[in-house]
Protein backbone atom coordinates (compact mmCIF):
# COMPACT_ATOMS: atom_id res chain seq x y z
CA MET A 1 0.00 0.00 0.00
CA ALA A 2 1.46 3.34 -1.07
CA THR A 3 1.89 6.19 1.43
CA ILE A 4 0.65 9.45 -0.07
CA THR A 5 1.57 11.92 2.66
CA THR A 6 1.38 12.59 6.38
CA THR A 7 -0.50 15.31 8.24
CA THR A 8 0.32 17.60 11.14
CA ALA A 9 -3.22 18.90 11.47
CA GLY A 10 -3.44 17.83 15.11
CA SER A 11 -6.53 15.99 16.27
CA THR A 12 -8.36 16.71 13.00
CA ALA A 13 -7.99 14.01 10.33
CA GLY A 14 -6.52 14.92 6.97
CA PHE A 15 -9.72 13.93 5.19
CA SER A 16 -13.19 15.40 5.41
CA VAL A 17 -15.63 14.67 8.21
CA PRO A 18 -18.29 13.52 7.51
CA SER A 19 -16.69 11.57 4.72
CA ASN A 20 -17.17 12.79 1.14
CA ALA A 21 -15.06 12.28 -1.97
CA ASN A 22 -11.48 13.51 -1.63
CA MET A 23 -10.10 11.46 -4.55
CA ASP A 24 -11.23 11.34 -8.17
CA ARG A 25 -9.96 10.08 -11.53
CA SER A 26 -9.51 12.42 -14.48
CA PRO A 27 -11.63 11.24 -17.43
CA LEU A 28 -9.11 13.00 -19.68
CA THR A 29 -5.93 11.18 -18.62
CA GLY A 30 -6.96 8.44 -16.20
CA ASP A 31 -4.73 9.95 -13.51
CA LEU A 32 -5.85 9.79 -9.88
CA TRP A 33 -5.95 13.04 -7.91
CA ILE A 34 -6.39 13.41 -4.16
CA VAL A 35 -6.66 16.40 -1.82
CA CYS A 36 -6.02 16.29 1.92
CA ARG A 37 -5.34 18.57 4.84
CA THR A 38 -1.65 18.42 5.70
CA THR A 39 -1.42 21.17 8.34
CA THR A 40 -3.95 23.17 10.34
CA THR A 41 -4.36 25.71 7.53
CA GLN A 42 -2.95 23.89 4.50
CA ILE A 43 -4.56 21.71 1.82
CA SER A 44 -2.26 19.67 -0.44
CA ILE A 45 -2.82 18.01 -3.81
CA PHE A 46 -1.24 14.75 -4.97
CA LYS A 47 -1.37 12.81 -8.24
CA SER A 48 -0.87 9.19 -9.24
CA THR A 49 -0.54 8.60 -12.98
CA ALA A 50 -2.76 6.15 -14.80
CA ALA A 51 0.28 3.91 -15.35
CA SER A 52 1.15 3.97 -11.63
CA ALA A 53 -2.47 3.18 -10.67
CA GLY A 54 -2.05 4.41 -7.10
CA ALA A 55 1.30 2.74 -6.40
CA ALA A 56 3.20 6.05 -6.41
CA TRP A 57 2.11 9.61 -5.69
CA THR A 58 3.71 12.97 -6.42
CA SER A 59 3.02 16.31 -4.76
CA GLN A 60 1.23 18.84 -6.94
CA GLY A 61 1.44 21.77 -4.55
CA SER A 62 -0.45 23.20 -1.61
CA PHE A 63 -2.49 26.25 -0.72
CA THR A 64 -3.46 27.93 2.53
CA VAL A 65 -6.90 28.70 3.94
CA SER A 66 -6.35 30.89 7.01
CA ASP A 67 -9.60 29.91 8.75
CA LEU A 68 -9.71 26.29 7.54
CA LEU A 69 -12.01 23.91 9.40
CA ASP A 70 -12.31 21.04 6.96
CA ILE A 71 -12.42 19.91 3.35
CA GLY A 72 -15.99 19.52 2.17
CA GLU A 73 -15.54 17.55 -1.05
CA MET A 74 -13.58 17.51 -4.31
CA ARG A 75 -14.76 16.48 -7.79
CA ILE A 76 -13.15 16.54 -11.23
CA ASP A 77 -15.47 17.76 -13.98
CA ARG A 78 -16.45 15.54 -16.90
CA ALA A 79 -13.85 17.15 -19.21
CA GLY A 80 -10.97 16.58 -16.80
CA ASP A 81 -10.19 20.29 -16.82
CA HIS A 82 -10.39 21.20 -13.13
CA ILE A 83 -10.65 19.95 -9.59
CA HIS A 84 -13.65 21.63 -7.95
CA MET A 85 -13.67 21.87 -4.14
CA SER A 86 -15.95 22.91 -1.31
CA ILE A 87 -14.13 23.99 1.85
CA LEU A 88 -15.40 24.79 5.35
CA GLY A 89 -14.01 27.68 7.37
CA ASN A 90 -14.70 29.80 10.46
CA ASN A 91 -13.00 33.19 10.79
CA GLY A 92 -13.89 33.70 14.44
CA VAL A 93 -17.05 35.56 13.47
CA ASN A 94 -19.09 33.01 11.50
CA ASP A 95 -19.00 29.77 9.53
CA ARG A 96 -18.16 29.91 5.84
CA ILE A 97 -18.30 27.76 2.73
CA TYR A 98 -15.63 28.39 0.10
CA TYR A 99 -15.41 27.17 -3.49
CA LYS A 100 -12.04 26.63 -5.19
CA ARG A 101 -11.22 25.59 -8.77
CA ILE A 102 -7.84 24.00 -9.51
CA PRO A 103 -6.85 23.60 -13.19
CA ILE A 104 -5.28 20.20 -13.94
CA SER A 105 -5.69 19.67 -17.71
CA SER A 106 -1.98 20.34 -18.26
CA GLY A 107 -1.08 17.39 -16.03
CA THR A 108 -0.01 19.60 -13.13
CA ALA A 109 -2.14 21.46 -10.60
CA ASP A 110 -2.38 25.26 -10.60
CA VAL A 111 -3.18 26.11 -6.97
CA SER A 112 -2.92 29.89 -7.49
CA THR A 113 -6.65 30.37 -8.10
CA GLY A 114 -8.49 32.22 -5.34
CA LEU A 115 -11.27 31.21 -2.97
CA LEU A 116 -14.88 32.24 -3.60
CA THR A 117 -17.03 32.71 -0.50
CA VAL A 118 -20.28 30.88 -1.27
CA HIS A 119 -22.13 31.40 2.03
CA THR A 120 -21.60 32.72 5.55
CA GLY A 121 -23.72 32.42 8.68
CA GLY A 122 -23.89 31.51 12.33
CA THR A 123 -21.51 32.67 15.03
CA SER A 124 -17.93 32.17 16.14
CA ASP A 125 -18.80 28.59 17.18
CA PRO A 126 -17.06 26.41 14.54
CA ARG A 127 -19.59 24.25 12.69
CA GLY A 128 -22.33 25.64 14.86
CA TYR A 129 -24.18 26.68 11.69
CA ILE A 130 -22.62 24.99 8.65
CA PHE A 131 -21.67 21.40 9.40
CA SER A 132 -20.87 19.85 6.02
CA ALA A 133 -20.53 20.82 2.35
CA CYS A 134 -20.49 18.75 -0.84
CA VAL A 135 -19.94 19.91 -4.43
CA PHE A 136 -20.96 18.87 -7.93
CA PRO A 137 -19.56 20.53 -11.10
CA TYR A 138 -21.11 20.25 -14.54
CA LYS A 139 -19.37 21.50 -17.68
CA LYS A 140 -21.90 22.63 -20.27
CA LEU A 141 -21.44 22.40 -24.03
CA SER A 142 -20.85 26.17 -24.05
CA GLY A 143 -17.69 25.62 -22.02
CA SER A 144 -19.08 27.28 -18.90
CA TYR A 145 -19.68 25.45 -15.64
CA ALA A 146 -22.70 25.12 -13.38
CA ILE A 147 -21.59 24.25 -9.83
CA LEU A 148 -23.89 23.11 -7.04
CA VAL A 149 -22.76 23.22 -3.42
CA GLY A 150 -24.90 21.40 -0.87
CA ALA A 151 -24.57 22.15 2.85
CA GLY A 152 -25.84 20.73 6.11
CA ILE A 153 -27.27 23.67 8.08
CA ARG A 154 -28.10 24.09 11.79
CA ASP A 155 -30.17 27.20 12.46
CA VAL A 156 -32.15 28.28 15.58
CA GLY A 157 -33.68 24.97 16.61
CA THR A 158 -33.88 23.54 13.10
CA THR A 159 -31.67 21.27 11.05
CA GLY A 160 -31.69 20.99 7.27
CA PHE A 161 -29.82 21.18 4.01
CA LYS A 162 -29.45 24.00 1.55
CA VAL A 163 -28.12 24.18 -2.01
CA PHE A 164 -26.06 27.08 -3.39
CA GLY A 165 -25.05 27.90 -6.96
CA VAL A 166 -21.73 28.95 -8.49
CA SER A 167 -21.16 29.90 -12.14
CA VAL A 168 -17.81 29.67 -13.93
CA SER A 169 -17.69 31.37 -17.31
CA ALA A 170 -16.09 30.02 -20.49
CA SER A 171 -13.88 33.12 -20.74
CA PRO A 172 -10.07 32.69 -20.62
CA ASP A 173 -9.98 33.94 -17.02
CA TYR A 174 -12.85 31.63 -15.94
CA THR A 175 -14.82 34.40 -14.21
CA THR A 176 -16.33 32.81 -11.08
CA LYS A 177 -19.26 34.11 -9.06
CA THR A 178 -22.10 32.93 -6.87
CA ASN A 179 -25.30 32.32 -8.81
CA HIS A 180 -27.96 30.93 -6.48
CA ASN A 181 -30.63 31.92 -9.02
CA GLN A 182 -29.62 29.01 -11.22
CA ILE A 183 -31.58 26.92 -8.71
CA VAL A 184 -35.25 27.75 -9.14
CA SER A 185 -38.01 27.10 -6.62
CA THR A 186 -37.01 25.40 -3.35
CA ARG A 187 -33.37 25.04 -2.35
CA TYR A 188 -33.69 24.73 1.45
CA TRP A 189 -35.32 21.96 3.47
CA GLN A 190 -35.42 21.77 7.26
CA ARG A 191 -37.00 20.01 10.24
CA SER A 192 -37.21 20.92 13.91
CA GLY A 193 -34.46 19.90 16.30
CA ASP A 194 -30.69 20.28 16.46
CA ASP A 195 -28.80 17.42 14.82
CA THR A 196 -25.06 17.96 15.18
CA GLN A 197 -24.05 15.36 12.56
CA ILE A 198 -25.46 16.28 9.13
CA SER A 199 -24.23 14.46 6.03
CA THR A 200 -25.02 15.73 2.51
CA THR A 201 -24.18 14.19 -0.88
CA LEU A 202 -24.76 15.39 -4.46
CA ASP A 203 -24.67 13.32 -7.65
CA VAL A 204 -25.92 13.50 -11.23
CA GLU A 205 -28.01 11.01 -13.19
CA HIS A 206 -25.49 9.22 -15.42
CA ASN A 207 -25.07 6.13 -17.55
CA GLY A 208 -23.03 4.25 -14.97
CA ASP A 209 -19.62 5.84 -15.47
CA GLY A 210 -20.31 8.65 -13.01
CA ILE A 211 -19.77 11.27 -15.72
CA THR A 212 -21.81 10.89 -18.90
CA ALA A 213 -25.39 12.13 -18.58
CA THR A 214 -28.22 12.03 -21.08
CA LEU A 215 -29.94 14.70 -19.00
CA PRO A 216 -27.90 15.99 -16.04
CA ASN A 217 -30.58 16.00 -13.37
CA VAL A 218 -28.93 16.35 -9.95
CA TRP A 219 -29.94 14.55 -6.76
CA ILE A 220 -29.04 15.52 -3.20
CA THR A 221 -29.40 13.30 -0.16
CA CYS A 222 -29.13 14.33 3.47
CA GLN A 223 -29.40 12.40 6.72
CA ILE A 224 -30.99 14.26 9.63
CA PHE A 225 -31.48 12.33 12.87
CA ASP A 226 -32.95 8.92 11.92
CA ARG A 227 -34.24 9.89 8.45
CA LEU A 228 -32.66 10.10 5.02
CA TYR A 229 -34.02 12.84 2.74
CA CYS A 230 -33.67 13.14 -1.01
CA ALA A 231 -34.42 15.96 -3.47
CA LYS A 232 -34.17 16.08 -7.25
CA PHE A 233 -33.07 19.12 -9.27
CA THR A 234 -34.44 18.76 -12.79
CA TRP A 235 -32.16 20.26 -15.46
CA GLN A 236 -33.78 22.99 -17.53
CA GLY A 237 -32.58 24.42 -20.83
CA SER A 238 -29.47 23.54 -22.81
CA TYR A 239 -26.61 21.54 -21.38
């Protein structure tokens, strides 16, 4: 079994809690990519080539998140162009969800891209408001990206899950902004009570390979207390 790296992040594991995807395979090259927390404020990226098949890993760089709490999830888009990440933070004032895009189509990771703040809320209590965050990227035929970020939310005696939108343009600089309006109708579900362990997962309807979709309807599941909830986001328009 190959050792990828070690972490000095103290009592917090290097991988996300609750567990979501931190490793994915590029559909472009077949290479495996993994992200993990290697220090209290640092996230590192590693790659194993398709030929190595996980036997050997090389560092692809690191980046710092000053108020890092945890990695939410990472996914590679269907073109193999970018790693897309959701990240949890708390700056001493409130909880935050960040989105980060890491270009990898060249075979190396460009970690210089900035963080986009997707949502803030709650108080200085870490994970007192936002407990978990998953991400799903979809590259449209236009070359732009529709990103969904799902989060487990605790809010004044209620527990639920909420979905946020991010748009990445097809321009050379990949202009990135929040776009919650790409989700029409309901995007927040809640029930009474305070559940401190909220897991959320997003996935797309596909043909079995996890990537190719005839119609990219997105599903989100969330466990709150003893029940598992599921919601479907039906794709509208061109894709």
